[in-house]
Amino acid sequence: MSQGNQTYDPRRLVEDVIELLTERGLQPDRDSGTAVDRMTAASKLLRNLGVMPAAAPEDWLDLDGQRGYNRVVHGD
């Protein structure tokens, strides 16, 4: 049962899982798959556990003047 408005950053969950797997003797590979796939999977897991995936508001600020967006979308 959900306890109000619980939130957790999906990127933090990915880091937590990597750390846990490493502690258990595994060698997770950050380069297999994409960051988008990892975020999607982490967000789905959180939602299915009754926790809303959410990042800190400052993480949504565009601090690079859309250079990241332009590189991905336009190849600039």
N, C-alpha and C. Protein backbone atom coordinates (compact mmCIF):
# COMPACT_ATOMS: atom_id res chain seq x y z
N MET A 1 0.84 -1.17 0.00
CA MET A 1 0.00 0.00 0.00
C MET A 1 0.89 1.24 0.00
N SER A 2 0.54 2.21 -0.83
CA SER A 2 1.32 3.44 -0.95
C SER A 2 1.12 4.33 0.27
N GLN A 3 2.16 5.01 0.68
CA GLN A 3 2.10 5.88 1.84
C GLN A 3 2.23 7.33 1.40
N GLY A 4 1.19 7.87 0.81
CA GLY A 4 1.22 9.26 0.39
C GLY A 4 1.98 9.45 -0.91
N ASN A 5 2.69 10.55 -0.99
CA ASN A 5 3.41 10.91 -2.21
C ASN A 5 4.88 10.55 -2.09
N GLN A 6 5.21 9.30 -2.22
CA GLN A 6 6.60 8.88 -2.17
C GLN A 6 7.23 9.08 -3.54
N THR A 7 8.42 9.64 -3.56
CA THR A 7 9.14 9.82 -4.82
C THR A 7 10.57 9.33 -4.66
N TYR A 8 11.18 8.98 -5.79
CA TYR A 8 12.57 8.55 -5.79
C TYR A 8 13.12 8.81 -7.19
N ASP A 9 14.35 9.25 -7.25
CA ASP A 9 14.99 9.56 -8.52
C ASP A 9 15.39 8.25 -9.22
N PRO A 10 14.87 7.97 -10.41
CA PRO A 10 15.22 6.73 -11.11
C PRO A 10 16.72 6.60 -11.39
N ARG A 11 17.40 7.73 -11.62
CA ARG A 11 18.85 7.66 -11.84
C ARG A 11 19.55 7.18 -10.58
N ARG A 12 19.06 7.60 -9.43
CA ARG A 12 19.63 7.15 -8.16
C ARG A 12 19.38 5.65 -7.99
N LEU A 13 18.21 5.18 -8.41
CA LEU A 13 17.90 3.75 -8.31
C LEU A 13 18.87 2.95 -9.16
N VAL A 14 19.17 3.42 -10.36
CA VAL A 14 20.13 2.73 -11.22
C VAL A 14 21.48 2.65 -10.52
N GLU A 15 21.92 3.75 -9.93
CA GLU A 15 23.20 3.76 -9.21
C GLU A 15 23.16 2.82 -8.00
N ASP A 16 22.03 2.80 -7.29
CA ASP A 16 21.87 1.90 -6.14
C ASP A 16 21.97 0.44 -6.57
N VAL A 17 21.35 0.10 -7.69
CA VAL A 17 21.37 -1.28 -8.18
C VAL A 17 22.77 -1.67 -8.63
N ILE A 18 23.46 -0.77 -9.31
CA ILE A 18 24.84 -1.05 -9.73
C ILE A 18 25.71 -1.32 -8.51
N GLU A 19 25.55 -0.49 -7.49
CA GLU A 19 26.32 -0.66 -6.25
C GLU A 19 25.99 -2.00 -5.58
N LEU A 20 24.72 -2.34 -5.51
CA LEU A 20 24.30 -3.60 -4.89
C LEU A 20 24.87 -4.81 -5.65
N LEU A 21 24.76 -4.77 -6.97
CA LEU A 21 25.27 -5.88 -7.77
C LEU A 21 26.78 -6.03 -7.62
N THR A 22 27.48 -4.92 -7.56
CA THR A 22 28.93 -4.95 -7.37
C THR A 22 29.27 -5.56 -6.01
N GLU A 23 28.53 -5.15 -4.98
CA GLU A 23 28.75 -5.72 -3.64
C GLU A 23 28.51 -7.23 -3.62
N ARG A 24 27.61 -7.70 -4.47
CA ARG A 24 27.28 -9.12 -4.53
C ARG A 24 28.21 -9.91 -5.45
N GLY A 25 29.26 -9.26 -5.93
CA GLY A 25 30.27 -9.94 -6.73
C GLY A 25 30.03 -9.93 -8.23
N LEU A 26 29.05 -9.20 -8.69
CA LEU A 26 28.78 -9.11 -10.12
C LEU A 26 29.50 -7.90 -10.70
N GLN A 27 29.58 -7.85 -12.02
CA GLN A 27 30.25 -6.75 -12.69
C GLN A 27 29.29 -6.10 -13.70
N PRO A 28 28.38 -5.24 -13.21
CA PRO A 28 27.44 -4.60 -14.13
C PRO A 28 28.17 -3.72 -15.15
N ASP A 29 27.68 -3.72 -16.37
CA ASP A 29 28.31 -2.99 -17.47
C ASP A 29 27.41 -1.81 -17.84
N ARG A 30 27.86 -0.60 -17.55
CA ARG A 30 27.08 0.60 -17.87
C ARG A 30 26.93 0.81 -19.37
N ASP A 31 27.82 0.23 -20.15
CA ASP A 31 27.80 0.46 -21.60
C ASP A 31 26.87 -0.48 -22.36
N SER A 32 26.32 -1.50 -21.68
CA SER A 32 25.36 -2.37 -22.37
C SER A 32 23.97 -1.74 -22.20
N GLY A 33 23.31 -1.51 -23.29
CA GLY A 33 22.02 -0.83 -23.23
C GLY A 33 22.23 0.68 -23.28
N THR A 34 21.12 1.38 -23.14
CA THR A 34 21.18 2.85 -23.20
C THR A 34 20.69 3.45 -21.88
N ALA A 35 21.07 4.69 -21.66
CA ALA A 35 20.62 5.41 -20.47
C ALA A 35 19.10 5.53 -20.47
N VAL A 36 18.51 5.71 -21.64
CA VAL A 36 17.05 5.82 -21.74
C VAL A 36 16.39 4.52 -21.31
N ASP A 37 16.93 3.38 -21.75
CA ASP A 37 16.38 2.08 -21.35
C ASP A 37 16.48 1.89 -19.84
N ARG A 38 17.62 2.28 -19.26
CA ARG A 38 17.79 2.14 -17.82
C ARG A 38 16.80 3.02 -17.07
N MET A 39 16.62 4.26 -17.50
CA MET A 39 15.68 5.18 -16.86
C MET A 39 14.25 4.66 -16.97
N THR A 40 13.89 4.15 -18.15
CA THR A 40 12.54 3.61 -18.35
C THR A 40 12.30 2.43 -17.43
N ALA A 41 13.25 1.51 -17.36
CA ALA A 41 13.10 0.33 -16.50
C ALA A 41 13.03 0.73 -15.03
N ALA A 42 13.88 1.65 -14.60
CA ALA A 42 13.87 2.09 -13.20
C ALA A 42 12.56 2.78 -12.87
N SER A 43 12.06 3.60 -13.78
CA SER A 43 10.79 4.30 -13.56
C SER A 43 9.63 3.32 -13.46
N LYS A 44 9.62 2.31 -14.33
CA LYS A 44 8.57 1.28 -14.28
C LYS A 44 8.61 0.52 -12.96
N LEU A 45 9.80 0.16 -12.52
CA LEU A 45 9.94 -0.56 -11.26
C LEU A 45 9.42 0.28 -10.10
N LEU A 46 9.82 1.54 -10.06
CA LEU A 46 9.36 2.41 -8.99
C LEU A 46 7.84 2.53 -8.99
N ARG A 47 7.24 2.76 -10.16
CA ARG A 47 5.77 2.88 -10.24
C ARG A 47 5.09 1.61 -9.76
N ASN A 48 5.64 0.45 -10.14
CA ASN A 48 5.04 -0.81 -9.75
C ASN A 48 5.21 -1.10 -8.26
N LEU A 49 6.09 -0.37 -7.61
CA LEU A 49 6.26 -0.50 -6.16
C LEU A 49 5.52 0.61 -5.42
N GLY A 50 4.74 1.41 -6.13
CA GLY A 50 3.95 2.46 -5.51
C GLY A 50 4.74 3.73 -5.21
N VAL A 51 5.86 3.91 -5.89
CA VAL A 51 6.70 5.09 -5.69
C VAL A 51 6.76 5.86 -7.00
N MET A 52 6.56 7.16 -6.93
CA MET A 52 6.58 7.99 -8.13
C MET A 52 8.01 8.34 -8.51
N PRO A 53 8.43 7.99 -9.74
CA PRO A 53 9.78 8.38 -10.17
C PRO A 53 9.83 9.90 -10.34
N ALA A 54 10.80 10.52 -9.72
CA ALA A 54 10.92 11.97 -9.81
C ALA A 54 12.36 12.38 -9.55
N ALA A 55 12.79 13.38 -10.30
CA ALA A 55 14.13 13.95 -10.11
C ALA A 55 13.98 15.28 -9.41
N ALA A 56 15.04 15.75 -8.82
CA ALA A 56 15.03 17.05 -8.18
C ALA A 56 14.75 18.12 -9.23
N PRO A 57 14.00 19.15 -8.89
CA PRO A 57 13.65 20.19 -9.88
C PRO A 57 14.86 20.79 -10.58
N GLU A 58 15.96 20.96 -9.86
CA GLU A 58 17.14 21.57 -10.51
C GLU A 58 17.73 20.67 -11.58
N ASP A 59 17.42 19.37 -11.55
CA ASP A 59 17.92 18.46 -12.57
C ASP A 59 17.25 18.69 -13.92
N TRP A 60 16.12 19.39 -13.93
CA TRP A 60 15.41 19.65 -15.17
C TRP A 60 15.80 20.97 -15.81
N LEU A 61 16.65 21.75 -15.14
CA LEU A 61 17.08 23.03 -15.70
C LEU A 61 18.00 22.81 -16.90
N ASP A 62 17.86 23.67 -17.88
CA ASP A 62 18.70 23.60 -19.06
C ASP A 62 19.94 24.46 -18.83
N LEU A 63 20.97 23.87 -18.30
CA LEU A 63 22.17 24.63 -17.96
C LEU A 63 23.22 24.65 -19.07
N ASP A 64 22.98 23.90 -20.13
CA ASP A 64 23.97 23.88 -21.22
C ASP A 64 23.47 24.59 -22.47
N GLY A 65 22.41 25.38 -22.35
CA GLY A 65 21.92 26.14 -23.49
C GLY A 65 21.43 25.27 -24.63
N GLN A 66 20.87 24.13 -24.33
CA GLN A 66 20.33 23.15 -25.28
C GLN A 66 21.38 22.48 -26.14
N ARG A 67 22.65 22.55 -25.75
CA ARG A 67 23.68 21.88 -26.54
C ARG A 67 23.43 20.38 -26.59
N GLY A 68 23.04 19.77 -25.44
CA GLY A 68 22.76 18.35 -25.42
C GLY A 68 21.61 17.99 -26.35
N TYR A 69 20.56 18.78 -26.33
CA TYR A 69 19.40 18.57 -27.20
C TYR A 69 19.81 18.70 -28.67
N ASN A 70 20.52 19.76 -28.98
CA ASN A 70 20.93 19.99 -30.37
C ASN A 70 21.83 18.86 -30.87
N ARG A 71 22.72 18.36 -30.02
CA ARG A 71 23.61 17.28 -30.41
C ARG A 71 22.82 16.02 -30.72
N VAL A 72 21.85 15.69 -29.88
CA VAL A 72 21.05 14.48 -30.08
C VAL A 72 20.12 14.61 -31.28
N VAL A 73 19.43 15.72 -31.37
CA VAL A 73 18.40 15.88 -32.40
C VAL A 73 18.97 16.31 -33.75
N HIS A 74 19.91 17.24 -33.73
CA HIS A 74 20.40 17.81 -34.97
C HIS A 74 21.83 17.40 -35.32
N GLY A 75 22.49 16.74 -34.43
CA GLY A 75 23.87 16.34 -34.68
C GLY A 75 24.86 17.49 -34.58
N ASP A 76 24.44 18.60 -33.96
CA ASP A 76 25.31 19.79 -33.83
C ASP A 76 26.33 19.58 -32.74
